[in-house]
N, C-alpha and C. Protein backbone atom coordinates (compact mmCIF):
# COMPACT_ATOMS: atom_id res chain seq x y z
N UNK A 1 -43.03 37.74 -14.99
CA UNK A 1 -42.18 36.86 -14.27
C UNK A 1 -41.76 35.68 -15.16
N UNK A 2 -40.49 35.33 -15.07
CA UNK A 2 -39.96 34.24 -15.88
C UNK A 2 -40.21 32.91 -15.20
N UNK A 3 -40.56 31.96 -16.02
CA UNK A 3 -40.81 30.63 -15.49
C UNK A 3 -39.57 29.77 -15.72
N UNK A 4 -39.06 29.12 -14.69
CA UNK A 4 -37.86 28.28 -14.81
C UNK A 4 -38.31 26.85 -15.14
N UNK A 5 -37.57 26.28 -16.07
CA UNK A 5 -37.88 24.91 -16.47
C UNK A 5 -36.87 23.96 -15.85
N UNK A 6 -37.33 22.76 -15.51
CA UNK A 6 -36.44 21.76 -14.92
C UNK A 6 -37.25 20.72 -14.17
N UNK A 7 -36.55 19.87 -13.46
CA UNK A 7 -37.20 18.81 -12.71
C UNK A 7 -37.32 19.21 -11.24
N UNK A 8 -38.38 18.74 -10.63
CA UNK A 8 -38.54 18.99 -9.20
C UNK A 8 -37.77 17.93 -8.43
N UNK A 9 -37.54 18.17 -7.19
CA UNK A 9 -36.83 17.22 -6.35
C UNK A 9 -37.60 15.90 -6.24
N UNK A 10 -38.91 15.97 -6.18
CA UNK A 10 -39.73 14.75 -6.09
C UNK A 10 -39.58 13.90 -7.35
N UNK A 11 -39.56 14.54 -8.51
CA UNK A 11 -39.40 13.79 -9.76
C UNK A 11 -38.03 13.11 -9.81
N UNK A 12 -37.00 13.79 -9.39
CA UNK A 12 -35.67 13.20 -9.38
C UNK A 12 -35.58 12.01 -8.43
N UNK A 13 -36.20 12.11 -7.27
CA UNK A 13 -36.18 11.01 -6.31
C UNK A 13 -36.92 9.80 -6.86
N UNK A 14 -38.06 10.00 -7.51
CA UNK A 14 -38.81 8.89 -8.11
C UNK A 14 -37.99 8.21 -9.19
N UNK A 15 -37.32 8.98 -10.03
CA UNK A 15 -36.50 8.39 -11.09
C UNK A 15 -35.34 7.60 -10.50
N UNK A 16 -34.69 8.13 -9.48
CA UNK A 16 -33.59 7.41 -8.84
C UNK A 16 -34.07 6.13 -8.17
N UNK A 17 -35.25 6.14 -7.59
CA UNK A 17 -35.81 4.93 -6.98
C UNK A 17 -36.09 3.88 -8.05
N UNK A 18 -36.64 4.28 -9.18
CA UNK A 18 -36.92 3.33 -10.27
C UNK A 18 -35.62 2.73 -10.81
N UNK A 19 -34.60 3.55 -10.97
CA UNK A 19 -33.31 3.04 -11.45
C UNK A 19 -32.73 2.05 -10.43
N UNK A 20 -32.88 2.35 -9.16
CA UNK A 20 -32.39 1.43 -8.12
C UNK A 20 -33.11 0.10 -8.15
N UNK A 21 -34.43 0.13 -8.30
CA UNK A 21 -35.21 -1.12 -8.36
C UNK A 21 -34.83 -1.93 -9.58
N UNK A 22 -34.69 -1.29 -10.73
CA UNK A 22 -34.28 -2.01 -11.94
C UNK A 22 -32.88 -2.60 -11.79
N UNK A 23 -31.99 -1.88 -11.14
CA UNK A 23 -30.64 -2.39 -10.94
C UNK A 23 -30.64 -3.64 -10.07
N UNK A 24 -31.48 -3.65 -9.05
CA UNK A 24 -31.54 -4.81 -8.16
C UNK A 24 -32.15 -6.01 -8.86
N UNK A 25 -33.14 -5.80 -9.72
CA UNK A 25 -33.85 -6.90 -10.38
C UNK A 25 -33.16 -7.33 -11.67
N UNK A 26 -32.75 -6.40 -12.50
CA UNK A 26 -32.28 -6.74 -13.84
C UNK A 26 -30.79 -7.06 -13.92
N UNK A 27 -29.96 -6.40 -13.21
CA UNK A 27 -28.52 -6.62 -13.34
C UNK A 27 -28.07 -8.04 -13.03
N UNK A 28 -28.57 -8.68 -11.99
CA UNK A 28 -28.13 -10.07 -11.77
C UNK A 28 -28.46 -11.00 -12.93
N UNK A 29 -29.54 -10.73 -13.62
CA UNK A 29 -29.89 -11.57 -14.77
C UNK A 29 -28.94 -11.37 -15.93
N UNK A 30 -28.40 -10.18 -16.06
CA UNK A 30 -27.47 -9.93 -17.16
C UNK A 30 -26.15 -10.66 -16.96
N UNK A 31 -25.75 -10.90 -15.72
CA UNK A 31 -24.48 -11.54 -15.45
C UNK A 31 -24.60 -13.06 -15.29
N UNK A 32 -25.81 -13.60 -15.27
CA UNK A 32 -26.02 -15.04 -15.16
C UNK A 32 -26.20 -15.61 -16.57
N UNK A 33 -25.22 -16.36 -17.04
CA UNK A 33 -25.25 -16.88 -18.40
C UNK A 33 -25.89 -18.25 -18.53
N UNK A 34 -26.31 -18.86 -17.44
CA UNK A 34 -26.81 -20.23 -17.50
C UNK A 34 -28.06 -20.35 -18.38
N UNK A 35 -28.95 -19.37 -18.31
CA UNK A 35 -30.15 -19.41 -19.15
C UNK A 35 -29.81 -19.32 -20.63
N UNK A 36 -28.85 -18.46 -20.95
CA UNK A 36 -28.43 -18.32 -22.34
C UNK A 36 -27.69 -19.58 -22.82
N UNK A 37 -26.88 -20.16 -21.95
CA UNK A 37 -26.13 -21.36 -22.30
C UNK A 37 -27.07 -22.54 -22.54
N UNK A 38 -28.08 -22.70 -21.69
CA UNK A 38 -29.00 -23.82 -21.87
C UNK A 38 -29.84 -23.63 -23.14
N UNK A 39 -30.23 -22.41 -23.44
CA UNK A 39 -30.98 -22.16 -24.68
C UNK A 39 -30.10 -22.44 -25.90
N UNK A 40 -28.83 -22.02 -25.82
CA UNK A 40 -27.90 -22.28 -26.92
C UNK A 40 -27.67 -23.76 -27.13
N UNK A 41 -27.53 -24.51 -26.05
CA UNK A 41 -27.33 -25.96 -26.16
C UNK A 41 -28.58 -26.62 -26.73
N UNK A 42 -29.76 -26.19 -26.29
CA UNK A 42 -31.02 -26.73 -26.80
C UNK A 42 -31.11 -26.50 -28.32
N UNK A 43 -30.81 -25.30 -28.76
CA UNK A 43 -30.86 -25.00 -30.19
C UNK A 43 -29.80 -25.78 -30.97
N UNK A 44 -28.61 -25.93 -30.38
CA UNK A 44 -27.52 -26.65 -31.06
C UNK A 44 -27.86 -28.12 -31.22
N UNK A 45 -28.37 -28.75 -30.18
CA UNK A 45 -28.74 -30.17 -30.26
C UNK A 45 -29.88 -30.37 -31.25
N UNK A 46 -30.91 -29.51 -31.17
CA UNK A 46 -32.04 -29.62 -32.09
C UNK A 46 -31.64 -29.44 -33.54
N UNK A 47 -30.84 -28.43 -33.82
CA UNK A 47 -30.43 -28.19 -35.20
C UNK A 47 -29.47 -29.28 -35.70
N UNK A 48 -28.65 -29.82 -34.82
CA UNK A 48 -27.76 -30.92 -35.21
C UNK A 48 -28.57 -32.17 -35.56
N UNK A 49 -29.61 -32.44 -34.79
CA UNK A 49 -30.48 -33.59 -35.10
C UNK A 49 -31.19 -33.40 -36.43
N UNK A 50 -31.71 -32.20 -36.69
CA UNK A 50 -32.37 -31.93 -37.97
C UNK A 50 -31.38 -32.07 -39.13
N UNK A 51 -30.17 -31.55 -38.93
CA UNK A 51 -29.14 -31.64 -39.97
C UNK A 51 -28.76 -33.10 -40.23
N UNK A 52 -28.66 -33.89 -39.18
CA UNK A 52 -28.32 -35.30 -39.34
C UNK A 52 -29.42 -36.04 -40.11
N UNK A 53 -30.67 -35.73 -39.82
CA UNK A 53 -31.76 -36.38 -40.54
C UNK A 53 -31.73 -36.02 -42.03
N UNK A 54 -31.52 -34.76 -42.32
CA UNK A 54 -31.46 -34.34 -43.73
C UNK A 54 -30.23 -34.91 -44.43
N UNK A 55 -29.12 -35.03 -43.70
CA UNK A 55 -27.92 -35.62 -44.27
C UNK A 55 -28.13 -37.10 -44.57
N UNK A 56 -28.86 -37.80 -43.71
CA UNK A 56 -29.15 -39.22 -43.94
C UNK A 56 -29.94 -39.41 -45.23
N UNK A 57 -30.92 -38.55 -45.44
CA UNK A 57 -31.72 -38.64 -46.67
C UNK A 57 -30.87 -38.28 -47.88
N UNK A 58 -30.06 -37.24 -47.77
CA UNK A 58 -29.24 -36.80 -48.91
C UNK A 58 -28.16 -37.81 -49.26
N UNK A 59 -27.54 -38.43 -48.27
CA UNK A 59 -26.46 -39.40 -48.53
C UNK A 59 -26.99 -40.82 -48.74
N UNK A 60 -28.27 -41.05 -48.44
CA UNK A 60 -28.90 -42.36 -48.56
C UNK A 60 -28.18 -43.43 -47.74
N UNK A 61 -27.87 -43.06 -46.49
CA UNK A 61 -27.22 -44.01 -45.57
C UNK A 61 -27.48 -43.56 -44.13
N UNK A 62 -27.17 -44.43 -43.20
CA UNK A 62 -27.37 -44.11 -41.79
C UNK A 62 -26.50 -42.94 -41.35
N UNK A 63 -27.08 -42.07 -40.53
CA UNK A 63 -26.33 -41.00 -39.89
C UNK A 63 -26.63 -41.10 -38.40
N UNK A 64 -25.58 -41.13 -37.58
CA UNK A 64 -25.72 -41.30 -36.13
C UNK A 64 -25.37 -40.01 -35.42
N UNK A 65 -26.16 -39.69 -34.40
CA UNK A 65 -25.88 -38.55 -33.54
C UNK A 65 -25.68 -39.10 -32.14
N UNK A 66 -24.46 -38.99 -31.66
CA UNK A 66 -24.13 -39.44 -30.31
C UNK A 66 -24.18 -38.22 -29.41
N UNK A 67 -25.22 -38.14 -28.57
CA UNK A 67 -25.43 -36.99 -27.71
C UNK A 67 -24.90 -37.33 -26.33
N UNK A 68 -23.86 -36.63 -25.93
CA UNK A 68 -23.29 -36.79 -24.59
C UNK A 68 -23.83 -35.71 -23.67
N UNK A 69 -23.42 -35.75 -22.43
CA UNK A 69 -23.92 -34.74 -21.49
C UNK A 69 -23.33 -33.37 -21.75
N UNK A 70 -22.13 -33.29 -22.33
CA UNK A 70 -21.52 -31.98 -22.59
C UNK A 70 -21.12 -31.76 -24.05
N UNK A 71 -21.29 -32.77 -24.91
CA UNK A 71 -20.92 -32.61 -26.32
C UNK A 71 -21.71 -33.60 -27.18
N UNK A 72 -21.64 -33.40 -28.49
CA UNK A 72 -22.27 -34.36 -29.40
C UNK A 72 -21.36 -34.59 -30.59
N UNK A 73 -21.59 -35.72 -31.26
CA UNK A 73 -20.79 -36.11 -32.41
C UNK A 73 -21.74 -36.65 -33.48
N UNK A 74 -21.53 -36.26 -34.73
CA UNK A 74 -22.36 -36.73 -35.84
C UNK A 74 -21.48 -37.50 -36.81
N UNK A 75 -21.86 -38.76 -37.07
CA UNK A 75 -21.11 -39.62 -37.98
C UNK A 75 -22.07 -40.27 -38.97
N UNK A 76 -21.53 -40.84 -40.04
CA UNK A 76 -22.37 -41.52 -41.02
C UNK A 76 -21.78 -42.88 -41.36
N UNK A 77 -22.64 -43.75 -41.90
CA UNK A 77 -22.20 -45.08 -42.32
C UNK A 77 -21.43 -44.95 -43.63
N UNK A 78 -20.43 -45.78 -43.79
CA UNK A 78 -19.60 -45.72 -44.99
C UNK A 78 -20.24 -46.42 -46.17
N UNK A 79 -21.26 -47.27 -45.90
CA UNK A 79 -21.96 -47.98 -46.97
C UNK A 79 -23.46 -47.84 -46.75
N UNK A 80 -24.22 -48.02 -47.81
CA UNK A 80 -25.67 -47.94 -47.72
C UNK A 80 -26.23 -49.18 -47.03
N UNK A 81 -27.41 -49.04 -46.44
CA UNK A 81 -28.07 -50.14 -45.76
C UNK A 81 -28.38 -49.78 -44.33
N UNK A 82 -29.57 -50.17 -43.87
CA UNK A 82 -29.99 -49.77 -42.53
C UNK A 82 -29.26 -50.51 -41.42
N UNK A 83 -28.55 -51.58 -41.75
CA UNK A 83 -27.82 -52.33 -40.73
C UNK A 83 -26.38 -51.86 -40.55
N UNK A 84 -25.97 -50.88 -41.31
CA UNK A 84 -24.58 -50.40 -41.26
C UNK A 84 -24.33 -49.54 -40.02
N UNK A 85 -23.13 -49.64 -39.50
CA UNK A 85 -22.74 -48.80 -38.34
C UNK A 85 -22.07 -47.53 -38.86
N UNK A 86 -22.11 -46.51 -38.04
CA UNK A 86 -21.56 -45.21 -38.42
C UNK A 86 -20.08 -45.13 -38.08
N UNK A 87 -19.28 -44.67 -39.04
CA UNK A 87 -17.85 -44.56 -38.81
C UNK A 87 -17.25 -43.27 -39.37
N UNK A 88 -17.82 -42.74 -40.46
CA UNK A 88 -17.27 -41.53 -41.07
C UNK A 88 -17.85 -40.28 -40.45
N UNK A 89 -17.05 -39.23 -40.38
CA UNK A 89 -17.52 -38.00 -39.76
C UNK A 89 -18.31 -37.14 -40.76
N UNK A 90 -19.30 -36.45 -40.24
CA UNK A 90 -20.14 -35.54 -41.03
C UNK A 90 -19.63 -34.12 -40.79
N UNK A 91 -19.45 -33.33 -41.85
CA UNK A 91 -18.97 -31.96 -41.65
C UNK A 91 -20.03 -31.06 -41.02
N UNK A 92 -19.58 -30.20 -40.13
CA UNK A 92 -20.45 -29.21 -39.50
C UNK A 92 -20.65 -28.08 -40.51
N UNK A 93 -21.88 -27.75 -40.89
CA UNK A 93 -22.10 -26.72 -41.90
C UNK A 93 -21.64 -25.33 -41.45
N UNK A 94 -21.57 -25.10 -40.16
CA UNK A 94 -21.16 -23.79 -39.66
C UNK A 94 -19.65 -23.57 -39.81
N UNK A 95 -18.87 -24.62 -39.61
CA UNK A 95 -17.42 -24.47 -39.63
C UNK A 95 -16.76 -25.15 -40.81
N UNK A 96 -17.42 -26.12 -41.44
CA UNK A 96 -16.82 -26.89 -42.51
C UNK A 96 -15.95 -28.03 -42.01
N UNK A 97 -15.66 -28.03 -40.72
CA UNK A 97 -14.87 -29.10 -40.11
C UNK A 97 -15.82 -30.21 -39.64
N UNK A 98 -15.27 -31.37 -39.29
CA UNK A 98 -16.08 -32.46 -38.78
C UNK A 98 -16.67 -32.08 -37.43
N UNK A 99 -17.86 -32.60 -37.13
CA UNK A 99 -18.50 -32.31 -35.84
C UNK A 99 -17.57 -32.69 -34.69
N UNK A 100 -17.01 -33.89 -34.74
CA UNK A 100 -16.02 -34.36 -33.78
C UNK A 100 -16.15 -33.86 -32.35
N UNK A 101 -17.12 -34.33 -31.62
CA UNK A 101 -17.34 -33.95 -30.22
C UNK A 101 -17.47 -32.44 -30.04
N UNK A 102 -18.40 -31.86 -30.75
CA UNK A 102 -18.68 -30.42 -30.61
C UNK A 102 -19.29 -30.19 -29.24
N UNK A 103 -18.70 -29.30 -28.47
CA UNK A 103 -19.17 -29.06 -27.11
C UNK A 103 -20.25 -27.99 -27.09
N UNK A 104 -21.09 -28.05 -26.07
CA UNK A 104 -22.16 -27.08 -25.90
C UNK A 104 -21.58 -25.81 -25.29
N UNK A 105 -22.45 -24.81 -25.14
CA UNK A 105 -22.06 -23.57 -24.45
C UNK A 105 -21.53 -23.93 -23.06
N UNK A 106 -20.62 -23.13 -22.56
CA UNK A 106 -20.02 -23.40 -21.26
C UNK A 106 -21.08 -23.44 -20.17
N UNK A 107 -21.12 -24.53 -19.43
CA UNK A 107 -22.07 -24.69 -18.33
C UNK A 107 -23.36 -25.40 -18.72
N UNK A 108 -23.61 -25.62 -20.00
CA UNK A 108 -24.83 -26.30 -20.43
C UNK A 108 -24.61 -27.80 -20.48
N UNK A 109 -25.61 -28.56 -20.04
CA UNK A 109 -25.52 -30.02 -20.07
C UNK A 109 -26.84 -30.62 -20.51
N UNK A 110 -26.76 -31.81 -21.08
CA UNK A 110 -27.95 -32.58 -21.46
C UNK A 110 -28.21 -33.57 -20.32
N UNK A 111 -29.49 -33.78 -20.01
CA UNK A 111 -29.86 -34.61 -18.85
C UNK A 111 -29.31 -36.03 -18.96
N UNK A 112 -29.43 -36.67 -20.11
CA UNK A 112 -28.97 -38.05 -20.27
C UNK A 112 -28.40 -38.24 -21.67
N UNK A 113 -27.35 -39.03 -21.77
CA UNK A 113 -26.74 -39.31 -23.06
C UNK A 113 -27.68 -40.16 -23.91
N UNK A 114 -27.58 -40.01 -25.22
CA UNK A 114 -28.44 -40.76 -26.13
C UNK A 114 -27.72 -40.97 -27.46
N UNK A 115 -28.13 -42.02 -28.16
CA UNK A 115 -27.65 -42.27 -29.51
C UNK A 115 -28.87 -42.30 -30.42
N UNK A 116 -28.86 -41.44 -31.42
CA UNK A 116 -29.97 -41.38 -32.38
C UNK A 116 -29.41 -41.73 -33.74
N UNK A 117 -30.04 -42.68 -34.42
CA UNK A 117 -29.62 -43.11 -35.75
C UNK A 117 -30.76 -42.80 -36.71
N UNK A 118 -30.45 -42.12 -37.81
CA UNK A 118 -31.43 -41.86 -38.86
C UNK A 118 -31.08 -42.73 -40.05
N UNK A 119 -32.08 -43.43 -40.62
CA UNK A 119 -31.81 -44.26 -41.79
C UNK A 119 -31.92 -43.42 -43.06
N UNK A 120 -31.80 -44.06 -44.23
CA UNK A 120 -31.79 -43.36 -45.50
C UNK A 120 -33.10 -42.64 -45.81
N UNK A 121 -34.19 -43.03 -45.14
CA UNK A 121 -35.47 -42.36 -45.33
C UNK A 121 -35.71 -41.28 -44.28
N UNK A 122 -34.76 -41.07 -43.39
CA UNK A 122 -34.90 -40.05 -42.36
C UNK A 122 -35.63 -40.52 -41.12
N UNK A 123 -35.93 -41.82 -41.06
CA UNK A 123 -36.62 -42.36 -39.88
C UNK A 123 -35.61 -42.65 -38.78
N UNK A 124 -36.00 -42.41 -37.53
CA UNK A 124 -35.08 -42.70 -36.43
C UNK A 124 -35.06 -44.19 -36.10
N UNK A 125 -33.89 -44.70 -35.75
CA UNK A 125 -33.71 -46.08 -35.34
C UNK A 125 -33.18 -46.09 -33.91
N UNK A 126 -33.58 -47.10 -33.13
CA UNK A 126 -33.03 -47.22 -31.78
C UNK A 126 -31.71 -47.99 -31.80
N UNK A 127 -31.50 -48.78 -32.83
CA UNK A 127 -30.25 -49.50 -33.10
C UNK A 127 -30.25 -49.77 -34.60
N UNK A 128 -29.11 -50.11 -35.20
CA UNK A 128 -29.13 -50.39 -36.64
C UNK A 128 -30.21 -51.41 -37.00
N UNK A 129 -31.04 -51.09 -37.96
CA UNK A 129 -32.14 -51.92 -38.47
C UNK A 129 -33.31 -52.07 -37.51
N UNK A 130 -33.35 -51.36 -36.38
CA UNK A 130 -34.46 -51.46 -35.42
C UNK A 130 -35.17 -50.11 -35.35
N UNK A 131 -36.39 -50.01 -35.94
CA UNK A 131 -37.10 -48.73 -35.93
C UNK A 131 -37.48 -48.30 -34.52
N UNK A 132 -37.50 -47.00 -34.32
CA UNK A 132 -37.92 -46.42 -33.04
C UNK A 132 -39.44 -46.56 -32.94
N UNK A 133 -39.95 -47.03 -31.82
CA UNK A 133 -41.39 -47.27 -31.69
C UNK A 133 -42.11 -46.17 -30.92
N UNK A 134 -41.42 -45.46 -30.06
CA UNK A 134 -42.04 -44.36 -29.31
C UNK A 134 -41.22 -43.10 -29.52
N UNK A 135 -41.84 -41.96 -29.27
CA UNK A 135 -41.14 -40.69 -29.42
C UNK A 135 -39.97 -40.62 -28.45
N UNK A 136 -38.86 -40.10 -28.92
CA UNK A 136 -37.66 -39.95 -28.11
C UNK A 136 -37.57 -38.49 -27.67
N UNK A 137 -37.37 -38.26 -26.37
CA UNK A 137 -37.22 -36.89 -25.87
C UNK A 137 -35.83 -36.71 -25.29
N UNK A 138 -35.25 -35.56 -25.57
CA UNK A 138 -33.94 -35.20 -25.06
C UNK A 138 -34.10 -33.89 -24.31
N UNK A 139 -33.66 -33.87 -23.06
CA UNK A 139 -33.84 -32.70 -22.21
C UNK A 139 -32.50 -32.02 -21.94
N UNK A 140 -32.47 -30.71 -22.17
CA UNK A 140 -31.29 -29.91 -21.83
C UNK A 140 -31.55 -29.32 -20.45
N UNK A 141 -30.62 -29.54 -19.53
CA UNK A 141 -30.78 -29.03 -18.17
C UNK A 141 -30.90 -27.51 -18.19
N UNK A 142 -31.90 -26.99 -17.47
CA UNK A 142 -32.10 -25.54 -17.41
C UNK A 142 -33.02 -25.01 -18.48
N UNK A 143 -33.50 -25.87 -19.40
CA UNK A 143 -34.42 -25.43 -20.45
C UNK A 143 -35.70 -26.22 -20.31
N UNK A 144 -36.84 -25.54 -20.30
CA UNK A 144 -38.11 -26.18 -19.99
C UNK A 144 -38.61 -27.11 -21.09
N UNK A 145 -38.40 -26.78 -22.34
CA UNK A 145 -38.97 -27.55 -23.44
C UNK A 145 -37.99 -28.62 -23.91
N UNK A 146 -38.39 -29.90 -23.89
CA UNK A 146 -37.48 -30.95 -24.38
C UNK A 146 -37.49 -31.01 -25.91
N UNK A 147 -36.48 -31.64 -26.46
CA UNK A 147 -36.42 -31.89 -27.90
C UNK A 147 -37.07 -33.24 -28.13
N UNK A 148 -38.02 -33.32 -29.05
CA UNK A 148 -38.75 -34.55 -29.31
C UNK A 148 -38.50 -35.01 -30.74
N UNK A 149 -38.26 -36.32 -30.91
CA UNK A 149 -38.10 -36.92 -32.23
C UNK A 149 -39.25 -37.90 -32.43
N UNK A 150 -40.05 -37.66 -33.44
CA UNK A 150 -41.21 -38.52 -33.72
C UNK A 150 -40.74 -39.86 -34.29
N UNK A 151 -41.42 -40.96 -33.92
CA UNK A 151 -40.92 -42.29 -34.29
C UNK A 151 -40.98 -42.63 -35.78
N UNK A 152 -42.05 -42.37 -36.47
CA UNK A 152 -42.17 -42.82 -37.85
C UNK A 152 -41.53 -41.86 -38.83
N UNK A 153 -41.68 -40.56 -38.61
CA UNK A 153 -41.22 -39.58 -39.59
C UNK A 153 -39.83 -39.04 -39.27
N UNK A 154 -39.40 -39.11 -38.03
CA UNK A 154 -38.12 -38.54 -37.64
C UNK A 154 -38.17 -37.04 -37.46
N UNK A 155 -39.38 -36.48 -37.44
CA UNK A 155 -39.53 -35.03 -37.28
C UNK A 155 -38.97 -34.59 -35.94
N UNK A 156 -38.09 -33.60 -35.93
CA UNK A 156 -37.44 -33.09 -34.72
C UNK A 156 -38.08 -31.77 -34.35
N UNK A 157 -38.60 -31.69 -33.14
CA UNK A 157 -39.18 -30.42 -32.68
C UNK A 157 -38.98 -30.26 -31.19
C-alpha cells in the first residue's frame, strides 16, 4: 500500500490560527512609525551633541546646539574665547550642508527646548563663560532613555 504524504486538516488549522494571531499582534506595530521616529530623533540629537562637542575641541571655540521641540541647529563662535556667542553655522557631516534647523523624523518631538554650549575643551556651559554644574538631561517624547550630558567632561550618553 502506498503512503500519501501531506498535511492533515488539523495541522493546517493550527498553522492558520498561528498566522491569524501573528497578524493581529504584529501588523499594527509595523504600520505605527512613532516608535521608529522617536528612536531616530533620540539618535539624531545624541549624535549631533557628540559632533558639536568634538567640533568645539577641533575648532578651539564655542559650539552651540539649539535643541527645539521639532528641530535643532548647530552653530559656532566666530572667535576664540569662552565668552563668545555662536553665529557661524557648522556643516552637517551627513549632508555637507549647514545644520540650519535640521528637523527630526516626522512625528518625533523633544520634551523641552534647550541650549547647550560646548567650550574649546569640550565642557558644557549653561551660558557663555558659565560652566554647567549639574548633568543636563534631554528627553525625546516616546523614548524611555534620556540623553545625558555630564557637567565637567561634556560626555554625551
